[in-house]
Protein backbone atom coordinates (compact mmCIF):
# COMPACT_ATOMS: atom_id res chain seq x y z
CA MET A 1 -51.48 190.43 57.19
CA LEU A 2 -53.49 188.06 59.37
CA LYS A 3 -53.35 188.52 63.14
CA LYS A 4 -54.65 185.87 65.48
CA ARG A 5 -54.59 186.04 69.26
CA ILE A 6 -55.21 182.76 71.02
CA MET A 7 -54.92 182.18 74.76
CA THR A 8 -55.56 178.83 76.40
CA GLY A 9 -55.15 177.75 80.01
CA ALA A 10 -56.02 174.68 82.04
CA ILE A 11 -55.69 173.58 85.64
CA GLY A 12 -56.48 170.25 87.25
CA LEU A 13 -56.63 168.89 90.80
CA SER A 14 -57.11 165.28 91.92
CA ILE A 15 -57.95 164.23 95.45
CA ALA A 16 -56.89 160.59 95.86
CA SER A 17 -58.84 158.46 93.39
CA ALA A 18 -62.25 159.64 94.60
CA GLY A 19 -62.45 163.08 93.04
CA ALA A 20 -61.07 165.53 90.55
CA ALA A 21 -61.64 169.14 89.54
CA ARG A 22 -60.67 170.73 86.22
CA GLY A 23 -60.90 174.24 84.87
CA GLN A 24 -60.24 175.44 81.33
CA THR A 25 -60.37 178.81 79.65
CA HIS A 26 -59.92 179.61 75.98
CA GLN A 27 -59.91 183.01 74.31
CA HIS A 28 -59.72 183.33 70.54
CA GLY A 29 -59.03 186.78 69.12
CA GLY A 30 -60.24 185.98 65.59
CA SER A 31 -63.82 185.40 66.68
CA ASP A 32 -63.70 187.60 69.83
CA ASN A 33 -65.18 185.04 72.18
CA GLN A 34 -64.11 183.54 75.47
CA ARG A 35 -65.00 180.04 76.62
CA GLU A 36 -64.71 178.67 80.14
CA ARG A 37 -65.42 175.19 81.43
CA TYR A 38 -65.27 173.87 84.99
CA VAL A 39 -65.79 170.21 85.88
CA VAL A 40 -66.01 168.52 89.29
CA HIS A 41 -66.03 164.71 89.26
CA PHE A 42 -66.60 162.74 92.46
CA ILE A 43 -66.78 158.95 92.87
CA TYR A 44 -68.99 158.51 95.92
CA HIS A 45 -69.25 154.71 95.63
CA PRO A 46 -67.37 152.26 93.35
CA GLY A 47 -69.19 152.34 90.02
CA SER A 48 -71.19 155.46 90.94
CA ASP A 49 -70.17 158.99 89.92
CA LEU A 50 -71.28 162.58 90.36
CA TYR A 51 -70.38 165.20 87.73
CA ILE A 52 -70.96 168.94 88.07
CA VAL A 53 -70.20 170.93 84.90
CA TYR A 54 -70.36 174.67 84.17
CA ASN A 55 -69.83 176.00 80.62
CA ASP A 56 -69.72 179.69 79.71
CA LEU A 57 -69.35 181.33 76.29
CA GLN A 58 -69.14 185.13 76.13
CA GLN A 59 -68.59 187.56 73.30
CA THR A 60 -65.66 189.89 73.95
CA GLY A 61 -64.10 192.74 72.04
CA LEU A 62 -67.40 194.55 71.44
CA PRO A 63 -67.91 198.29 71.94
CA PRO A 64 -69.04 199.37 75.45
CA ASN A 65 -72.80 199.24 76.21
CA THR A 66 -73.37 196.72 73.42
CA PHE A 67 -75.68 193.80 74.16
CA ALA A 68 -73.59 190.64 73.94
CA PRO A 69 -75.43 187.34 74.21
CA SER A 70 -73.82 184.70 76.38
CA ASP A 71 -74.36 180.98 76.52
CA ARG A 72 -74.23 179.48 80.00
CA GLN A 73 -74.89 175.88 80.98
CA PHE A 74 -74.94 174.21 84.39
CA VAL A 75 -75.26 170.42 84.38
CA VAL A 76 -75.38 167.88 87.21
CA LYS A 77 -75.12 164.21 86.28
CA MET A 78 -75.30 161.30 88.71
CA ASN A 79 -74.61 157.64 87.90
CA TYR A 80 -75.55 154.93 90.37
CA LEU A 81 -74.60 151.28 90.08
CA LEU A 82 -77.73 149.20 90.80
CA ALA A 83 -76.25 145.68 90.68
CA ARG A 84 -73.07 144.49 92.36
């Protein structure tokens, strides 16, 4: 018999039309990993954006005191409109 445990959650927040924040988490029991992603998007000038993104992947379900590699990323991206 095949058992799969999957948990997913998401939350979002928008502040007028100038900014938004999103968070997501996903846990999959079959592969014993947990993924999280957080995004902040801000429009500081029409046609220009700022993104801040954090991604995290962790191994779960391992015995205590076991080295578990994790994959973390932090990205900042800025777009600027040169011509009007």
